[in-house]
Amino acid sequence: MISSMTGFARRELSGPWGSLVCELRSVNHRFLESGFRLPEELRSVEGDLRQRLGQALRRGKLDCTITYRPAQAAAMTLEVDAPALERLTSRLDELQRVIPLGSVNLLEVLRWPGILKDQTTAGEALLAAARELFDAAISDLCAARSREGEKLRAVLEQRCESLEALVKQVQARLPDVQARLTAKVRDRIKELASGADQDRLEQEIALLLQRLDVDEELERLSGHVAEIRRVLTGNEPAGRRLDFLMQELNREANTLSSKSQDLETTRTAVDMKVLIEQMREQVQNAE
């Protein structure tokens, strides 16, 4: 099932430890690239979240933002770790005796790691909640990307039908084009040399028609369209393969245009390239 690389998901979770909000945004990208904005309380779980992300998605650029609001934040008090403060001040006194630098800023002392006891950390309960919230948000994101993928698949199917119709149009016109080209060559040779060798003339006409034959290009175009349909109904990520098929379709359409000796066929080849370009733009968003 084809999926889009574009999606959005938002989940909230509350508990005795407070409340968490997770927002996920993804856009198209050649590979899987992720950026996490987490509160300090959840830094230790970032590696686990990245691993879970890699198991759920294969391509796309994803931004994850998790915000944390501790329970009863307004009623919290600052508690100083007395032993840690005593150790720090004793070292500061020693430094003051050796290098007199003036008074010590008390706010800077409070900012020293370990001086203030952390009242906001809820331990494993908070980390487990973050994992649960992230899993739920990822599930929602995958569902959103699948819904976008269904729309993408419908657009590609429609373009495939239009491309097949153009191929059949050229195939139906080929016998008339070849007949007119043969007659034109015969008339031209008669004008140049009425006594030309008929066997040699037939050989030259056959070689000319062979060089201008586009049956092979039309068959490959039909084959690529069939392969696109097969990929769209498969279970594997389809983006890279579809991108390659777009290149092959464009190659065949260019060859058809360069070989064409018929204005109507050339116009049809241009229409094909327009359709292929429209498909290529859509395929850039396929996972």
C-alpha atoms as a PDB file:
ATOM      1  CA  MET A   1       0.000   0.000   0.000  1.00  0.00           C
ATOM      2  CA  ILE A   2       1.488   3.290  -1.102  1.00  0.00           C
ATOM      3  CA  SER A   3       1.910   5.960   1.578  1.00  0.00           C
ATOM      4  CA  SER A   4       2.602   9.658   1.402  1.00  0.00           C
ATOM      5  CA  MET A   5       5.517  11.233   3.232  1.00  0.00           C
ATOM      6  CA  THR A   6       3.350  14.190   4.273  1.00  0.00           C
ATOM      7  CA  GLY A   7       1.424  13.979   7.529  1.00  0.00           C
ATOM      8  CA  PHE A   8       0.635  15.528  10.888  1.00  0.00           C
ATOM      9  CA  ALA A   9      -0.321  14.067  14.264  1.00  0.00           C
ATOM     10  CA  ARG A  10      -0.930  15.492  17.736  1.00  0.00           C
ATOM     11  CA  ARG A  11      -1.508  13.597  20.962  1.00  0.00           C
ATOM     12  CA  GLU A  12      -1.881  14.571  24.630  1.00  0.00           C
ATOM     13  CA  LEU A  13      -1.451  12.492  27.774  1.00  0.00           C
ATOM     14  CA  SER A  14      -1.925  13.397  31.449  1.00  0.00           C
ATOM     15  CA  GLY A  15      -1.071  11.661  34.703  1.00  0.00           C
ATOM     16  CA  PRO A  16       0.101  12.235  38.291  1.00  0.00           C
ATOM     17  CA  TRP A  17       3.414  13.444  36.875  1.00  0.00           C
ATOM     18  CA  GLY A  18       1.738  16.212  34.823  1.00  0.00           C
ATOM     19  CA  SER A  19       0.807  16.485  31.126  1.00  0.00           C
ATOM     20  CA  LEU A  20       2.602  15.763  27.846  1.00  0.00           C
ATOM     21  CA  VAL A  21       1.834  16.970  24.336  1.00  0.00           C
ATOM     22  CA  CYS A  22       3.456  15.387  21.270  1.00  0.00           C
ATOM     23  CA  GLU A  23       3.296  16.902  17.780  1.00  0.00           C
ATOM     24  CA  LEU A  24       4.692  15.167  14.690  1.00  0.00           C
ATOM     25  CA  ARG A  25       5.099  16.738  11.253  1.00  0.00           C
ATOM     26  CA  SER A  26       6.569  14.953   8.241  1.00  0.00           C
ATOM     27  CA  VAL A  27       7.369  16.044   4.679  1.00  0.00           C
ATOM     28  CA  ASN A  28       9.054  14.381   1.722  1.00  0.00           C
ATOM     29  CA  HIS A  29      12.754  13.593   1.807  1.00  0.00           C
ATOM     30  CA  ARG A  30      15.088  11.179   0.026  1.00  0.00           C
ATOM     31  CA  PHE A  31      15.902   9.378   3.265  1.00  0.00           C
ATOM     32  CA  LEU A  32      14.577   9.208   6.821  1.00  0.00           C
ATOM     33  CA  GLU A  33      15.667  12.316   8.713  1.00  0.00           C
ATOM     34  CA  SER A  34      14.330  13.303  12.119  1.00  0.00           C
ATOM     35  CA  GLY A  35      14.600  16.250  14.487  1.00  0.00           C
ATOM     36  CA  PHE A  36      13.525  16.091  18.134  1.00  0.00           C
ATOM     37  CA  ARG A  37      12.716  18.969  20.460  1.00  0.00           C
ATOM     38  CA  LEU A  38      12.358  17.511  23.934  1.00  0.00           C
ATOM     39  CA  PRO A  39      12.291  18.943  27.459  1.00  0.00           C
ATOM     40  CA  GLU A  40      15.305  18.208  29.649  1.00  0.00           C
ATOM     41  CA  GLU A  41      13.283  15.663  31.627  1.00  0.00           C
ATOM     42  CA  LEU A  42      12.964  13.478  28.490  1.00  0.00           C
ATOM     43  CA  ARG A  43      16.463  13.764  27.031  1.00  0.00           C
ATOM     44  CA  SER A  44      17.349  10.263  28.208  1.00  0.00           C
ATOM     45  CA  VAL A  45      14.555   8.712  26.132  1.00  0.00           C
ATOM     46  CA  GLU A  46      15.446  10.371  22.805  1.00  0.00           C
ATOM     47  CA  GLY A  47      17.456   7.401  21.546  1.00  0.00           C
ATOM     48  CA  ASP A  48      14.557   5.046  22.236  1.00  0.00           C
ATOM     49  CA  LEU A  49      12.138   7.343  20.401  1.00  0.00           C
ATOM     50  CA  ARG A  50      14.429   7.501  17.364  1.00  0.00           C
ATOM     51  CA  GLN A  51      14.578   3.713  17.287  1.00  0.00           C
ATOM     52  CA  ARG A  52      10.780   3.467  17.411  1.00  0.00           C
ATOM     53  CA  LEU A  53      10.553   6.003  14.608  1.00  0.00           C
ATOM     54  CA  GLY A  54      12.912   3.970  12.418  1.00  0.00           C
ATOM     55  CA  GLN A  55      10.747   0.901  12.880  1.00  0.00           C
ATOM     56  CA  ALA A  56       7.596   2.734  11.784  1.00  0.00           C
ATOM     57  CA  LEU A  57       8.842   4.900   8.877  1.00  0.00           C
ATOM     58  CA  ARG A  58      11.366   4.471   6.083  1.00  0.00           C
ATOM     59  CA  ARG A  59      11.469   7.847   4.339  1.00  0.00           C
ATOM     60  CA  GLY A  60      10.580  11.442   5.085  1.00  0.00           C
ATOM     61  CA  LYS A  61      11.779  14.380   7.121  1.00  0.00           C
ATOM     62  CA  LEU A  62      10.073  14.332  10.508  1.00  0.00           C
ATOM     63  CA  ASP A  63       9.952  16.972  13.234  1.00  0.00           C
ATOM     64  CA  CYS A  64       8.910  15.840  16.708  1.00  0.00           C
ATOM     65  CA  THR A  65       8.058  18.293  19.485  1.00  0.00           C
ATOM     66  CA  ILE A  66       7.157  17.110  22.980  1.00  0.00           C
ATOM     67  CA  THR A  67       6.232  19.615  25.668  1.00  0.00           C
ATOM     68  CA  TYR A  68       6.009  18.729  29.358  1.00  0.00           C
ATOM     69  CA  ARG A  69       4.016  20.485  32.054  1.00  0.00           C
ATOM     70  CA  PRO A  70       4.678  19.196  35.592  1.00  0.00           C
ATOM     71  CA  ALA A  71       1.764  18.659  37.931  1.00  0.00           C
ATOM     72  CA  GLN A  72       1.064  21.555  40.353  1.00  0.00           C
ATOM     73  CA  ALA A  73       3.882  23.631  38.899  1.00  0.00           C
ATOM     74  CA  ALA A  74       2.704  26.776  40.635  1.00  0.00           C
ATOM     75  CA  ALA A  75       2.916  25.202  44.104  1.00  0.00           C
ATOM     76  CA  MET A  76       6.442  23.866  43.717  1.00  0.00           C
ATOM     77  CA  THR A  77       9.179  25.169  45.989  1.00  0.00           C
ATOM     78  CA  LEU A  78      12.905  25.405  45.506  1.00  0.00           C
ATOM     79  CA  GLU A  79      14.766  23.012  47.765  1.00  0.00           C
ATOM     80  CA  VAL A  80      18.504  23.432  48.217  1.00  0.00           C
ATOM     81  CA  ASP A  81      20.757  20.415  48.582  1.00  0.00           C
ATOM     82  CA  ALA A  82      22.614  21.530  51.747  1.00  0.00           C
ATOM     83  CA  PRO A  83      25.597  19.122  51.523  1.00  0.00           C
ATOM     84  CA  ALA A  84      26.186  20.061  47.878  1.00  0.00           C
ATOM     85  CA  LEU A  85      25.972  23.765  48.726  1.00  0.00           C
ATOM     86  CA  GLU A  86      28.417  23.326  51.616  1.00  0.00           C
ATOM     87  CA  ARG A  87      30.946  21.602  49.392  1.00  0.00           C
ATOM     88  CA  LEU A  88      30.642  24.331  46.773  1.00  0.00           C
ATOM     89  CA  THR A  89      31.024  27.226  49.227  1.00  0.00           C
ATOM     90  CA  SER A  90      34.073  25.657  50.860  1.00  0.00           C
ATOM     91  CA  ARG A  91      35.762  25.448  47.466  1.00  0.00           C
ATOM     92  CA  LEU A  92      34.766  29.029  46.735  1.00  0.00           C
ATOM     93  CA  ASP A  93      36.328  30.158  50.039  1.00  0.00           C
ATOM     94  CA  GLU A  94      39.571  28.410  49.117  1.00  0.00           C
ATOM     95  CA  LEU A  95      39.601  30.118  45.718  1.00  0.00           C
ATOM     96  CA  GLN A  96      38.873  33.501  47.284  1.00  0.00           C
ATOM     97  CA  ARG A  97      41.949  33.172  49.506  1.00  0.00           C
ATOM     98  CA  VAL A  98      44.179  32.276  46.572  1.00  0.00           C
ATOM     99  CA  ILE A  99      42.651  34.533  43.933  1.00  0.00           C
ATOM    100  CA  PRO A 100      40.646  37.446  45.349  1.00  0.00           C
ATOM    101  CA  LEU A 101      37.948  38.136  42.757  1.00  0.00           C
ATOM    102  CA  GLY A 102      35.330  39.976  44.755  1.00  0.00           C
ATOM    103  CA  SER A 103      31.933  38.807  45.966  1.00  0.00           C
ATOM    104  CA  VAL A 104      30.192  35.705  44.633  1.00  0.00           C
ATOM    105  CA  ASN A 105      26.866  36.051  42.806  1.00  0.00           C
ATOM    106  CA  LEU A 106      24.329  33.967  44.746  1.00  0.00           C
ATOM    107  CA  LEU A 107      22.201  33.352  41.661  1.00  0.00           C
ATOM    108  CA  GLU A 108      25.198  31.838  39.938  1.00  0.00           C
ATOM    109  CA  VAL A 109      25.702  29.587  42.949  1.00  0.00           C
ATOM    110  CA  LEU A 110      22.098  28.364  42.684  1.00  0.00           C
ATOM    111  CA  ARG A 111      22.616  27.600  39.002  1.00  0.00           C
ATOM    112  CA  TRP A 112      25.494  25.280  39.794  1.00  0.00           C
ATOM    113  CA  PRO A 113      24.530  21.674  38.869  1.00  0.00           C
ATOM    114  CA  GLY A 114      23.209  19.744  41.856  1.00  0.00           C
ATOM    115  CA  ILE A 115      22.631  22.707  44.199  1.00  0.00           C
ATOM    116  CA  LEU A 116      18.863  22.830  43.636  1.00  0.00           C
ATOM    117  CA  LYS A 117      17.020  19.554  44.007  1.00  0.00           C
ATOM    118  CA  ASP A 118      14.945  18.686  40.968  1.00  0.00           C
ATOM    119  CA  GLN A 119      11.280  18.736  41.948  1.00  0.00           C
ATOM    120  CA  THR A 120       9.935  18.207  38.404  1.00  0.00           C
ATOM    121  CA  THR A 121      11.278  14.779  37.587  1.00  0.00           C
ATOM    122  CA  ALA A 122       8.765  11.954  37.844  1.00  0.00           C
ATOM    123  CA  GLY A 123      11.250   9.215  37.033  1.00  0.00           C
ATOM    124  CA  GLU A 124      10.337   6.124  35.048  1.00  0.00           C
ATOM    125  CA  ALA A 125       6.623   6.901  35.106  1.00  0.00           C
ATOM    126  CA  LEU A 126       7.219  10.034  33.048  1.00  0.00           C
ATOM    127  CA  LEU A 127       9.556   8.267  30.616  1.00  0.00           C
ATOM    128  CA  ALA A 128       7.094   5.420  30.144  1.00  0.00           C
ATOM    129  CA  ALA A 129       4.324   7.927  29.483  1.00  0.00           C
ATOM    130  CA  ALA A 130       6.506   9.666  26.883  1.00  0.00           C
ATOM    131  CA  ARG A 131       7.073   6.356  25.083  1.00  0.00           C
ATOM    132  CA  GLU A 132       3.366   5.553  25.158  1.00  0.00           C
ATOM    133  CA  LEU A 133       2.465   9.013  23.871  1.00  0.00           C
ATOM    134  CA  PHE A 134       5.046   8.858  21.076  1.00  0.00           C
ATOM    135  CA  ASP A 135       3.818   5.421  19.932  1.00  0.00           C
ATOM    136  CA  ALA A 136       0.239   6.725  19.751  1.00  0.00           C
ATOM    137  CA  ALA A 137       1.333   9.813  17.806  1.00  0.00           C
ATOM    138  CA  ILE A 138       3.373   7.702  15.374  1.00  0.00           C
ATOM    139  CA  SER A 139       0.359   5.468  14.808  1.00  0.00           C
ATOM    140  CA  ASP A 140      -1.779   8.515  14.018  1.00  0.00           C
ATOM    141  CA  LEU A 141       0.920   9.873  11.706  1.00  0.00           C
ATOM    142  CA  CYS A 142       1.150   6.584   9.783  1.00  0.00           C
ATOM    143  CA  ALA A 143      -2.631   6.563   9.408  1.00  0.00           C
ATOM    144  CA  ALA A 144      -2.556  10.131   8.076  1.00  0.00           C
ATOM    145  CA  ARG A 145       0.218   9.265   5.634  1.00  0.00           C
ATOM    146  CA  SER A 146      -1.775   6.232   4.461  1.00  0.00           C
ATOM    147  CA  ARG A 147      -4.833   8.378   3.794  1.00  0.00           C
ATOM    148  CA  GLU A 148      -2.711  10.794   1.791  1.00  0.00           C
ATOM    149  CA  GLY A 149      -1.225   7.789   0.011  1.00  0.00           C
ATOM    150  CA  GLU A 150      -4.675   6.681  -1.118  1.00  0.00           C
ATOM    151  CA  LYS A 151      -5.250  10.078  -2.701  1.00  0.00           C
ATOM    152  CA  LEU A 152      -1.818   9.886  -4.309  1.00  0.00           C
ATOM    153  CA  ARG A 153      -2.579   6.431  -5.674  1.00  0.00           C
ATOM    154  CA  ALA A 154      -5.867   7.654  -7.201  1.00  0.00           C
ATOM    155  CA  VAL A 155      -4.056  10.493  -8.986  1.00  0.00           C
ATOM    156  CA  LEU A 156      -1.382   8.150 -10.358  1.00  0.00           C
ATOM    157  CA  GLU A 157      -4.013   5.646 -11.515  1.00  0.00           C
ATOM    158  CA  GLN A 158      -5.809   8.395 -13.381  1.00  0.00           C
ATOM    159  CA  ARG A 159      -2.580   9.512 -15.063  1.00  0.00           C
ATOM    160  CA  CYS A 160      -1.799   5.898 -16.006  1.00  0.00           C
ATOM    161  CA  GLU A 161      -5.165   5.573 -17.723  1.00  0.00           C
ATOM    162  CA  SER A 162      -4.564   8.780 -19.668  1.00  0.00           C
ATOM    163  CA  LEU A 163      -1.087   7.624 -20.672  1.00  0.00           C
ATOM    164  CA  GLU A 164      -2.421   4.273 -21.878  1.00  0.00           C
ATOM    165  CA  ALA A 165      -5.039   6.067 -23.964  1.00  0.00           C
ATOM    166  CA  LEU A 166      -2.310   8.133 -25.647  1.00  0.00           C
ATOM    167  CA  VAL A 167      -0.246   4.999 -26.364  1.00  0.00           C
ATOM    168  CA  LYS A 168      -3.259   3.343 -28.021  1.00  0.00           C
ATOM    169  CA  GLN A 169      -3.855   6.520 -29.998  1.00  0.00           C
ATOM    170  CA  VAL A 170      -0.334   6.398 -31.438  1.00  0.00           C
ATOM    171  CA  GLN A 171      -0.576   2.651 -32.116  1.00  0.00           C
ATOM    172  CA  ALA A 172      -3.796   3.140 -34.049  1.00  0.00           C
ATOM    173  CA  ARG A 173      -2.200   5.865 -36.139  1.00  0.00           C
ATOM    174  CA  LEU A 174       1.019   4.013 -36.976  1.00  0.00           C
ATOM    175  CA  PRO A 175      -0.185   2.061 -40.074  1.00  0.00           C
ATOM    176  CA  ASP A 176      -1.461   5.250 -41.723  1.00  0.00           C
ATOM    177  CA  VAL A 177       1.753   7.120 -40.858  1.00  0.00           C
ATOM    178  CA  GLN A 178       3.919   4.334 -42.297  1.00  0.00           C
ATOM    179  CA  ALA A 179       1.809   4.143 -45.459  1.00  0.00           C
ATOM    180  CA  ARG A 180       2.012   7.897 -46.036  1.00  0.00           C
ATOM    181  CA  LEU A 181       5.763   7.897 -45.368  1.00  0.00           C
ATOM    182  CA  THR A 182       6.309   5.043 -47.836  1.00  0.00           C
ATOM    183  CA  ALA A 183       4.275   6.790 -50.520  1.00  0.00           C
ATOM    184  CA  LYS A 184       6.139  10.039 -49.914  1.00  0.00           C
ATOM    185  CA  VAL A 185       9.536   8.343 -50.290  1.00  0.00           C
ATOM    186  CA  ARG A 186       8.430   6.560 -53.489  1.00  0.00           C
ATOM    187  CA  ASP A 187       7.177   9.797 -55.018  1.00  0.00           C
ATOM    188  CA  ARG A 188      10.388  11.595 -54.126  1.00  0.00           C
ATOM    189  CA  ILE A 189      12.585   8.898 -55.657  1.00  0.00           C
ATOM    190  CA  LYS A 190      10.511   8.908 -58.833  1.00  0.00           C
ATOM    191  CA  GLU A 191      11.141  12.610 -59.150  1.00  0.00           C
ATOM    192  CA  LEU A 192      14.897  12.146 -58.721  1.00  0.00           C
ATOM    193  CA  ALA A 193      15.471   9.064 -60.818  1.00  0.00           C
ATOM    194  CA  SER A 194      12.758   7.330 -62.764  1.00  0.00           C
ATOM    195  CA  GLY A 195      15.021   4.360 -63.557  1.00  0.00           C
ATOM    196  CA  ALA A 196      15.919   3.475 -59.945  1.00  0.00           C
ATOM    197  CA  ASP A 197      16.458  -0.172 -59.011  1.00  0.00           C
ATOM    198  CA  GLN A 198      13.167  -1.338 -57.496  1.00  0.00           C
ATOM    199  CA  ASP A 199      14.804  -3.959 -55.239  1.00  0.00           C
ATOM    200  CA  ARG A 200      17.217  -1.386 -53.861  1.00  0.00           C
ATOM    201  CA  LEU A 201      14.327   1.032 -53.475  1.00  0.00           C
ATOM    202  CA  GLU A 202      12.364  -1.483 -51.408  1.00  0.00           C
ATOM    203  CA  GLN A 203      15.414  -2.107 -49.203  1.00  0.00           C
ATOM    204  CA  GLU A 204      15.940   1.592 -48.548  1.00  0.00           C
ATOM    205  CA  ILE A 205      12.287   2.076 -47.709  1.00  0.00           C
ATOM    206  CA  ALA A 206      12.414  -0.884 -45.309  1.00  0.00           C
ATOM    207  CA  LEU A 207      15.517   0.516 -43.590  1.00  0.00           C
ATOM    208  CA  LEU A 208      13.921   3.931 -43.290  1.00  0.00           C
ATOM    209  CA  LEU A 209      10.751   2.507 -41.752  1.00  0.00           C
ATOM    210  CA  GLN A 210      12.828   0.430 -39.377  1.00  0.00           C
ATOM    211  CA  ARG A 211      14.700   3.501 -38.128  1.00  0.00           C
ATOM    212  CA  LEU A 212      11.409   5.318 -37.626  1.00  0.00           C
ATOM    213  CA  ASP A 213       9.601   2.349 -36.063  1.00  0.00           C
ATOM    214  CA  VAL A 214       8.260   3.194 -32.582  1.00  0.00           C
ATOM    215  CA  ASP A 215       6.527  -0.095 -31.760  1.00  0.00           C
ATOM    216  CA  GLU A 216       9.249  -0.967 -29.254  1.00  0.00           C
ATOM    217  CA  GLU A 217       8.932   2.369 -27.463  1.00  0.00           C
ATOM    218  CA  LEU A 218       5.151   2.009 -27.256  1.00  0.00           C
ATOM    219  CA  GLU A 219       5.475  -1.517 -25.863  1.00  0.00           C
ATOM    220  CA  ARG A 220       7.912  -0.328 -23.208  1.00  0.00           C
ATOM    221  CA  LEU A 221       5.596   2.546 -22.280  1.00  0.00           C
ATOM    222  CA  SER A 222       2.757   0.057 -21.786  1.00  0.00           C
ATOM    223  CA  GLY A 223       5.052  -2.218 -19.792  1.00  0.00           C
ATOM    224  CA  HIS A 224       6.141   0.600 -17.482  1.00  0.00           C
ATOM    225  CA  VAL A 225       2.526   1.598 -16.872  1.00  0.00           C
ATOM    226  CA  ALA A 226       1.713  -2.002 -15.954  1.00  0.00           C
ATOM    227  CA  GLU A 227       4.678  -2.030 -13.550  1.00  0.00           C
ATOM    228  CA  ILE A 228       3.488   1.207 -11.934  1.00  0.00           C
ATOM    229  CA  ARG A 229       0.111  -0.398 -11.282  1.00  0.00           C
ATOM    230  CA  ARG A 230       1.804  -3.441  -9.771  1.00  0.00           C
ATOM    231  CA  VAL A 231       3.918  -1.280  -7.468  1.00  0.00           C
ATOM    232  CA  LEU A 232       0.892   0.762  -6.376  1.00  0.00           C
ATOM    233  CA  THR A 233      -0.860  -2.380  -5.156  1.00  0.00           C
ATOM    234  CA  GLY A 234       2.202  -3.879  -3.430  1.00  0.00           C
ATOM    235  CA  ASN A 235       3.018  -3.853   0.263  1.00  0.00           C
ATOM    236  CA  GLU A 236       6.547  -2.475   0.047  1.00  0.00           C
ATOM    237  CA  PRO A 237       7.553   1.226   0.052  1.00  0.00           C
ATOM    238  CA  ALA A 238       7.101   2.346  -3.536  1.00  0.00           C
ATOM    239  CA  GLY A 239       8.655   5.807  -3.778  1.00  0.00           C
ATOM    240  CA  ARG A 240      12.124   4.939  -5.063  1.00  0.00           C
ATOM    241  CA  ARG A 241      10.883   2.406  -7.612  1.00  0.00           C
ATOM    242  CA  LEU A 242       8.206   4.759  -8.892  1.00  0.00           C
ATOM    243  CA  ASP A 243      10.794   7.502  -9.265  1.00  0.00           C
ATOM    244  CA  PHE A 244      12.916   5.174 -11.427  1.00  0.00           C
ATOM    245  CA  LEU A 245       9.879   4.250 -13.538  1.00  0.00           C
ATOM    246  CA  MET A 246       9.173   7.942 -14.133  1.00  0.00           C
ATOM    247  CA  GLN A 247      12.672   8.316 -15.574  1.00  0.00           C
ATOM    248  CA  GLU A 248      12.104   5.330 -17.885  1.00  0.00           C
ATOM    249  CA  LEU A 249       8.724   6.640 -19.035  1.00  0.00           C
ATOM    250  CA  ASN A 250      10.269  10.004 -19.852  1.00  0.00           C
ATOM    251  CA  ARG A 251      13.088   8.316 -21.778  1.00  0.00           C
ATOM    252  CA  GLU A 252      10.645   6.386 -23.971  1.00  0.00           C
ATOM    253  CA  ALA A 253       8.465   9.452 -24.580  1.00  0.00           C
ATOM    254  CA  ASN A 254      11.547  11.437 -25.663  1.00  0.00           C
ATOM    255  CA  THR A 255      12.585   8.662 -28.061  1.00  0.00           C
ATOM    256  CA  LEU A 256       9.066   8.501 -29.486  1.00  0.00           C
ATOM    257  CA  SER A 257       9.120  12.235 -30.090  1.00  0.00           C
ATOM    258  CA  SER A 258      12.556  12.187 -31.758  1.00  0.00           C
ATOM    259  CA  LYS A 259      11.618   9.299 -34.098  1.00  0.00           C
ATOM    260  CA  SER A 260       8.245  10.687 -35.061  1.00  0.00           C
ATOM    261  CA  GLN A 261       7.758  11.938 -38.641  1.00  0.00           C
ATOM    262  CA  ASP A 262       4.132  12.807 -37.988  1.00  0.00           C
ATOM    263  CA  LEU A 263       2.997  16.081 -36.420  1.00  0.00           C
ATOM    264  CA  GLU A 264       0.060  14.480 -34.623  1.00  0.00           C
ATOM    265  CA  THR A 265       2.299  11.798 -33.121  1.00  0.00           C
ATOM    266  CA  THR A 266       4.756  14.464 -31.978  1.00  0.00           C
ATOM    267  CA  ARG A 267       1.954  16.336 -30.254  1.00  0.00           C
ATOM    268  CA  THR A 268       0.837  13.130 -28.566  1.00  0.00           C
ATOM    269  CA  ALA A 269       4.402  12.519 -27.353  1.00  0.00           C
ATOM    270  CA  VAL A 270       4.405  16.025 -25.829  1.00  0.00           C
ATOM    271  CA  ASP A 271       1.112  15.227 -24.075  1.00  0.00           C
ATOM    272  CA  MET A 272       2.727  12.063 -22.742  1.00  0.00           C
ATOM    273  CA  LYS A 273       5.634  14.018 -21.309  1.00  0.00           C
ATOM    274  CA  VAL A 274       3.234  16.425 -19.618  1.00  0.00           C
ATOM    275  CA  LEU A 275       1.441  13.502 -17.965  1.00  0.00           C
ATOM    276  CA  ILE A 276       4.729  11.900 -16.935  1.00  0.00           C
ATOM    277  CA  GLU A 277       5.923  15.137 -15.370  1.00  0.00           C
ATOM    278  CA  GLN A 278       2.663  15.411 -13.427  1.00  0.00           C
ATOM    279  CA  MET A 279       3.168  11.850 -12.193  1.00  0.00           C
ATOM    280  CA  ARG A 280       6.785  12.529 -11.292  1.00  0.00           C
ATOM    281  CA  GLU A 281       5.778  15.484  -9.108  1.00  0.00           C
ATOM    282  CA  GLN A 282       3.311  13.274  -7.239  1.00  0.00           C
ATOM    283  CA  VAL A 283       5.793  10.433  -6.904  1.00  0.00           C
ATOM    284  CA  GLN A 284       8.253  12.726  -5.102  1.00  0.00           C
ATOM    285  CA  ASN A 285       5.914  12.553  -2.100  1.00  0.00           C
ATOM    286  CA  ALA A 286       5.575   8.745  -2.069  1.00  0.00           C
ATOM    287  CA  GLU A 287       7.332   6.857   0.719  1.00  0.00           C
END
